Amino acid sequence: MHTSLLAWRGFRYGKWALVLGLVSIALYLSQGGSAAQPPNGGTWQGYVLGTVGALLIVWLSVLGVRKRRYSSTLGSVQGWTSAHVYLGAVLLLIGTLHSAAQVGWNVHTLAYALMCAVIFSGFYGLYVYIHLPGRLASNNAGKDRDAWLEELGELDSAIRDTVEACDAELQAMALSALDLTALGGSAWRQLSARDYSRIILPGQSKPVGNAEQGVIVKALSERIPDARKQSQAEVLNELLGLFGRRRVILNLLRREIRLRGLIRVWLFVHIPLTVALLVALLIHIFSVFIYW
């Protein structure tokens, strides 16, 4: 699906973008570049390039709204998304030719910088939508998040039932490992996929780190050789297996949360930057007509 949006209708919008880019380069080169009048945005060619760029910015902003409105009948979402990608890429060339690489501490450079930021954040968005869904499907192994959470809940119930056969010290430690498990949380925790789970050890009141369920797994492993009865060893082995499976599912869920976050997080940058670009573009246009 993601490859086909680039190749939509035989790379229709890729061809349009290529033609538009070549015409823009020819228009830029037609300025001559004499010492008296070097290429810049103030020539008629520069005005044409600027006008095309401004229209593209507005149109691409509309495209961004359209490709998220699935009920609209104005073309397919896939086609509009393909146009968004290719025309956004050629906009980088047109905007650069319009500015003729003349930058300074002014609103004109601000508009150009915001345009570049919007486009490059869009490139990142394209990358994640092409590559991360496959990794997400592979990570989930054919099951969705709800199914994994359901299995995690079943494991927790099994651990609570099984640990009742153990001594009070191990019971308290195992139950604290369940209660202090961290999953999700702040945006940073979701994107980093780090395990901030904790556990309360015997004789201590403050929790300590239990990343990857490592502390409780180690404690169970150390107790198995010292078990005096076969029934005790069986219980400890069962708990070890349950916590081992729990570790696998928690890691899977953290990766799933991270991948979904990476797919969505770029929009929290791309959309505000687009709004800022539209405002800067209006200021740029008005200042050109008023002061130039």
Protein backbone atom coordinates (compact mmCIF):
# COMPACT_ATOMS: atom_id res chain seq x y z
CA MET A 1 0.00 0.00 0.00
CA HIS A 2 2.72 2.47 0.98
CA THR A 3 4.82 1.71 -2.09
CA SER A 4 1.79 2.04 -4.35
CA LEU A 5 1.03 5.54 -3.10
CA LEU A 6 4.39 6.64 -4.52
CA ALA A 7 3.77 4.74 -7.76
CA TRP A 8 0.10 5.75 -7.93
CA ARG A 9 -1.20 5.79 -11.51
CA GLY A 10 2.24 5.18 -12.98
CA PHE A 11 4.02 7.82 -10.86
CA ARG A 12 1.60 10.48 -12.13
CA TYR A 13 2.47 13.13 -9.54
CA GLY A 14 6.14 12.19 -9.61
CA LYS A 15 6.17 13.07 -13.31
CA TRP A 16 4.29 16.30 -12.66
CA ALA A 17 6.77 17.23 -9.96
CA LEU A 18 9.69 16.47 -12.29
CA VAL A 19 8.28 18.68 -15.05
CA LEU A 20 7.52 21.47 -12.59
CA GLY A 21 11.04 21.22 -11.19
CA LEU A 22 12.67 21.39 -14.62
CA VAL A 23 10.54 24.38 -15.64
CA SER A 24 11.45 26.12 -12.37
CA ILE A 25 15.17 25.55 -12.98
CA ALA A 26 14.87 26.90 -16.53
CA LEU A 27 12.99 29.93 -15.24
CA TYR A 28 15.66 30.58 -12.61
CA LEU A 29 18.49 30.27 -15.16
CA SER A 30 16.74 32.71 -17.49
CA GLN A 31 17.52 35.52 -15.05
CA GLY A 32 21.02 35.76 -16.48
CA GLY A 33 22.77 36.57 -13.25
CA SER A 34 24.52 39.84 -14.21
CA ALA A 35 26.41 41.77 -11.57
CA ALA A 36 23.82 44.54 -11.72
CA GLN A 37 20.88 42.19 -11.28
CA PRO A 38 21.78 38.79 -9.83
CA PRO A 39 19.04 36.13 -9.52
CA ASN A 40 16.70 36.98 -6.66
CA GLY A 41 13.10 36.92 -5.62
CA GLY A 42 12.52 40.46 -6.88
CA THR A 43 12.84 39.71 -10.61
CA TRP A 44 9.78 38.72 -12.59
CA GLN A 45 11.11 35.19 -12.66
CA GLY A 46 11.54 35.33 -8.90
CA TYR A 47 7.98 36.58 -8.51
CA VAL A 48 6.68 33.72 -10.66
CA LEU A 49 8.63 31.16 -8.64
CA GLY A 50 7.43 32.75 -5.42
CA THR A 51 3.82 32.74 -6.58
CA VAL A 52 4.02 29.08 -7.58
CA GLY A 53 5.65 28.23 -4.28
CA ALA A 54 3.01 30.11 -2.27
CA LEU A 55 0.18 28.42 -4.17
CA LEU A 56 1.82 25.04 -3.57
CA ILE A 57 2.11 25.73 0.15
CA VAL A 58 -1.59 26.59 0.41
CA TRP A 59 -2.61 23.67 -1.78
CA LEU A 60 -0.47 21.20 0.13
CA SER A 61 -2.03 22.42 3.36
CA VAL A 62 -5.44 21.68 1.88
CA LEU A 63 -4.17 18.30 0.68
CA GLY A 64 -3.12 17.50 4.22
CA VAL A 65 -6.70 18.03 5.37
CA ARG A 66 -8.22 16.17 2.40
CA LYS A 67 -6.15 13.01 2.80
CA ARG A 68 -7.50 12.61 6.33
CA ARG A 69 -11.15 13.07 5.30
CA TYR A 70 -12.14 9.63 4.10
CA SER A 71 -15.76 10.65 3.44
CA SER A 72 -14.81 13.18 0.72
CA THR A 73 -15.52 12.27 -2.90
CA LEU A 74 -12.86 14.61 -4.37
CA GLY A 75 -10.40 11.97 -5.57
CA SER A 76 -8.93 9.05 -3.67
CA VAL A 77 -6.99 9.39 -0.44
CA GLN A 78 -4.12 7.45 -2.01
CA GLY A 79 -3.95 9.80 -5.00
CA TRP A 80 -4.05 12.94 -2.88
CA THR A 81 -1.38 11.51 -0.58
CA SER A 82 0.84 10.76 -3.57
CA ALA A 83 0.38 14.36 -4.75
CA HIS A 84 1.20 15.61 -1.26
CA VAL A 85 4.50 13.72 -1.24
CA TYR A 86 5.77 14.64 -4.70
CA LEU A 87 4.58 18.26 -4.80
CA GLY A 88 5.93 18.79 -1.30
CA ALA A 89 9.33 17.55 -2.46
CA VAL A 90 9.44 19.85 -5.51
CA LEU A 91 8.36 22.77 -3.32
CA LEU A 92 11.77 22.57 -1.63
CA LEU A 93 13.43 23.21 -4.98
CA ILE A 94 11.03 26.00 -5.98
CA GLY A 95 11.36 27.79 -2.65
CA THR A 96 15.16 27.60 -2.82
CA LEU A 97 15.22 28.98 -6.37
CA HIS A 98 12.85 31.76 -5.39
CA SER A 99 15.09 32.84 -2.52
CA ALA A 100 18.25 32.40 -4.67
CA ALA A 101 20.00 31.29 -1.46
CA GLN A 102 19.78 34.84 -0.08
CA VAL A 103 19.21 34.52 3.65
CA GLY A 104 19.23 36.91 6.57
CA TRP A 105 17.62 37.64 9.91
CA ASN A 106 14.21 38.57 8.53
CA VAL A 107 10.71 37.20 8.01
CA HIS A 108 11.56 36.06 4.49
CA THR A 109 14.23 33.67 5.73
CA LEU A 110 11.90 32.62 8.55
CA ALA A 111 9.28 31.60 6.01
CA TYR A 112 11.90 29.66 4.05
CA ALA A 113 13.21 27.94 7.17
CA LEU A 114 9.71 26.96 8.24
CA MET A 115 9.01 25.63 4.75
CA CYS A 116 12.13 23.44 4.95
CA ALA A 117 11.16 22.23 8.41
CA VAL A 118 7.66 21.29 7.24
CA ILE A 119 9.00 19.45 4.20
CA PHE A 120 11.67 17.50 6.08
CA SER A 121 9.19 16.56 8.81
CA GLY A 122 6.98 15.32 5.99
CA PHE A 123 9.87 13.20 4.69
CA TYR A 124 10.15 11.67 8.14
CA GLY A 125 6.40 11.01 8.12
CA LEU A 126 6.71 9.26 4.77
CA TYR A 127 9.56 7.12 6.11
CA VAL A 128 7.68 5.95 9.18
CA TYR A 129 4.49 5.19 7.25
CA ILE A 130 6.45 3.08 4.77
CA HIS A 131 8.74 1.20 7.17
CA LEU A 132 7.21 1.06 10.64
CA PRO A 133 3.84 -0.65 9.97
CA GLY A 134 5.71 -3.76 8.80
CA ARG A 135 7.85 -3.76 11.94
CA LEU A 136 4.71 -3.27 14.01
CA ALA A 137 3.00 -6.26 12.41
CA SER A 138 6.12 -8.39 12.89
CA ASN A 139 6.40 -7.35 16.54
CA ASN A 140 2.77 -8.20 17.30
CA ALA A 141 3.11 -11.69 15.78
CA GLY A 142 -0.43 -11.78 14.41
CA LYS A 143 -2.15 -10.56 17.59
CA ASP A 144 -3.39 -7.08 18.45
CA ARG A 145 -2.68 -5.10 21.60
CA ASP A 146 -5.91 -6.14 23.31
CA ALA A 147 -5.06 -9.82 22.88
CA TRP A 148 -1.61 -9.35 24.41
CA LEU A 149 -3.08 -7.32 27.29
CA GLU A 150 -5.62 -10.06 27.89
CA GLU A 151 -2.86 -12.66 28.09
CA LEU A 152 -0.90 -10.39 30.42
CA GLY A 153 -3.92 -10.15 32.71
CA GLU A 154 -4.26 -13.93 32.72
CA LEU A 155 -0.59 -14.30 33.63
CA ASP A 156 -0.96 -11.84 36.51
CA SER A 157 -3.95 -13.77 37.86
CA ALA A 158 -2.03 -17.03 37.58
CA ILE A 159 0.95 -15.53 39.41
CA ARG A 160 -1.25 -14.24 42.23
CA ASP A 161 -2.83 -17.68 42.64
CA THR A 162 0.45 -19.61 42.42
CA VAL A 163 2.43 -17.41 44.79
CA GLU A 164 -0.02 -18.13 47.61
CA ALA A 165 1.82 -21.42 48.08
CA CYS A 166 5.08 -19.59 48.82
CA ASP A 167 6.40 -17.97 51.98
CA ALA A 168 5.26 -14.47 52.93
CA GLU A 169 8.57 -12.90 51.90
CA LEU A 170 8.40 -14.21 48.34
CA GLN A 171 4.68 -13.42 48.15
CA ALA A 172 5.29 -9.78 49.02
CA MET A 173 8.14 -9.48 46.55
CA ALA A 174 6.22 -11.12 43.69
CA LEU A 175 3.08 -9.09 44.28
CA SER A 176 5.07 -5.85 44.41
CA ALA A 177 6.62 -6.80 41.06
CA LEU A 178 3.11 -7.05 39.62
CA ASP A 179 1.79 -3.86 41.23
CA LEU A 180 4.82 -1.73 40.35
CA THR A 181 5.07 -2.78 36.71
CA ALA A 182 5.34 0.28 34.45
CA LEU A 183 3.80 0.26 30.97
CA GLY A 184 3.21 3.37 28.88
CA GLY A 185 3.33 6.68 30.73
CA SER A 186 4.75 9.95 29.47
CA ALA A 187 5.56 10.59 25.83
CA TRP A 188 9.26 10.11 26.54
CA ARG A 189 8.67 6.79 28.27
CA GLN A 190 6.54 5.57 25.39
CA LEU A 191 9.04 6.58 22.71
CA SER A 192 12.09 5.31 24.60
CA ALA A 193 10.46 1.93 25.40
CA ARG A 194 12.53 1.78 28.59
CA ASP A 195 11.27 -0.35 31.43
CA TYR A 196 10.69 1.67 34.59
CA SER A 197 9.16 -1.23 36.54
CA ARG A 198 10.09 -1.49 40.21
CA ILE A 199 9.95 -4.01 43.05
CA ILE A 200 10.14 -3.94 46.85
CA LEU A 201 12.80 -6.29 48.20
CA PRO A 202 12.52 -8.08 51.57
CA GLY A 203 13.47 -5.83 54.47
CA GLN A 204 13.24 -2.66 52.38
CA SER A 205 10.55 -0.02 52.17
CA LYS A 206 11.64 1.81 49.02
CA PRO A 207 11.18 0.18 45.62
CA VAL A 208 14.19 -0.58 43.43
CA GLY A 209 14.40 -1.05 39.68
CA ASN A 210 13.01 -4.25 38.21
CA ALA A 211 13.64 -3.69 34.50
CA GLU A 212 12.85 -6.70 32.32
CA GLN A 213 11.42 -8.32 35.49
CA GLY A 214 15.07 -9.13 36.15
CA VAL A 215 15.10 -8.89 39.93
CA ILE A 216 12.14 -11.20 40.54
CA VAL A 217 13.35 -13.67 37.89
CA LYS A 218 16.78 -13.80 39.52
CA ALA A 219 15.27 -14.26 42.99
CA LEU A 220 13.16 -17.18 41.80
CA SER A 221 16.12 -18.76 40.00
CA GLU A 222 18.26 -18.60 43.13
CA ARG A 223 15.55 -20.19 45.30
CA ILE A 224 14.95 -23.23 43.09
CA PRO A 225 18.20 -25.11 44.01
CA ASP A 226 17.47 -24.54 47.70
CA ALA A 227 13.92 -25.89 47.59
CA ARG A 228 13.61 -28.72 50.15
CA LYS A 229 10.50 -30.28 48.66
CA GLN A 230 9.68 -31.18 45.10
CA SER A 231 6.37 -29.35 45.41
CA GLN A 232 8.22 -26.16 46.36
CA ALA A 233 10.55 -26.53 43.38
CA GLU A 234 7.57 -27.08 41.09
CA VAL A 235 5.87 -23.92 42.36
CA LEU A 236 9.05 -21.88 41.93
CA ASN A 237 9.58 -23.26 38.43
CA GLU A 238 5.99 -22.42 37.54
CA LEU A 239 6.43 -18.88 38.84
CA LEU A 240 9.68 -18.56 36.92
CA GLY A 241 7.94 -19.60 33.73
CA LEU A 242 5.05 -17.20 34.34
CA PHE A 243 7.34 -14.24 35.02
CA GLY A 244 9.48 -15.18 32.02
CA ARG A 245 6.44 -15.14 29.76
CA ARG A 246 5.32 -11.91 31.41
CA ARG A 247 8.68 -10.32 30.53
CA VAL A 248 8.27 -11.33 26.89
CA ILE A 249 4.79 -9.80 26.63
CA LEU A 250 5.76 -6.59 28.43
CA ASN A 251 8.72 -6.08 26.09
CA LEU A 252 6.47 -6.72 23.10
CA LEU A 253 3.91 -4.21 24.33
CA ARG A 254 6.56 -1.57 24.98
CA ARG A 255 7.91 -1.97 21.45
CA GLU A 256 4.36 -1.77 20.10
CA ILE A 257 3.70 1.44 22.03
CA ARG A 258 7.00 2.90 20.82
CA LEU A 259 6.36 2.06 17.15
CA ARG A 260 2.84 3.49 17.25
CA GLY A 261 4.21 6.60 18.92
CA LEU A 262 6.87 7.05 16.25
CA ILE A 263 4.19 6.73 13.56
CA ARG A 264 2.07 9.46 15.12
CA VAL A 265 4.52 11.80 16.83
CA TRP A 266 5.69 13.54 13.64
CA LEU A 267 2.18 15.02 13.22
CA PHE A 268 2.65 16.93 16.48
CA VAL A 269 5.55 18.69 14.75
CA HIS A 270 4.36 18.74 11.14
CA ILE A 271 0.94 20.33 11.71
CA PRO A 272 2.01 23.21 14.03
CA LEU A 273 4.93 23.96 11.71
CA THR A 274 2.51 24.09 8.78
CA VAL A 275 0.31 26.61 10.59
CA ALA A 276 3.38 28.70 11.47
CA LEU A 277 4.50 28.53 7.84
CA LEU A 278 1.14 29.83 6.59
CA VAL A 279 1.35 32.77 8.99
CA ALA A 280 4.95 33.54 8.01
CA LEU A 281 4.02 33.25 4.34
CA LEU A 282 1.26 35.85 4.71
CA ILE A 283 3.65 38.22 6.48
CA HIS A 284 6.27 37.61 3.80
CA ILE A 285 3.81 38.39 0.98
CA PHE A 286 2.41 41.54 2.61
CA SER A 287 5.88 42.87 3.47
CA VAL A 288 7.03 42.33 -0.12
CA PHE A 289 4.12 44.26 -1.61
CA ILE A 290 4.28 47.05 1.00
CA TYR A 291 8.04 47.67 1.29
CA TRP A 292 9.40 46.48 -2.02
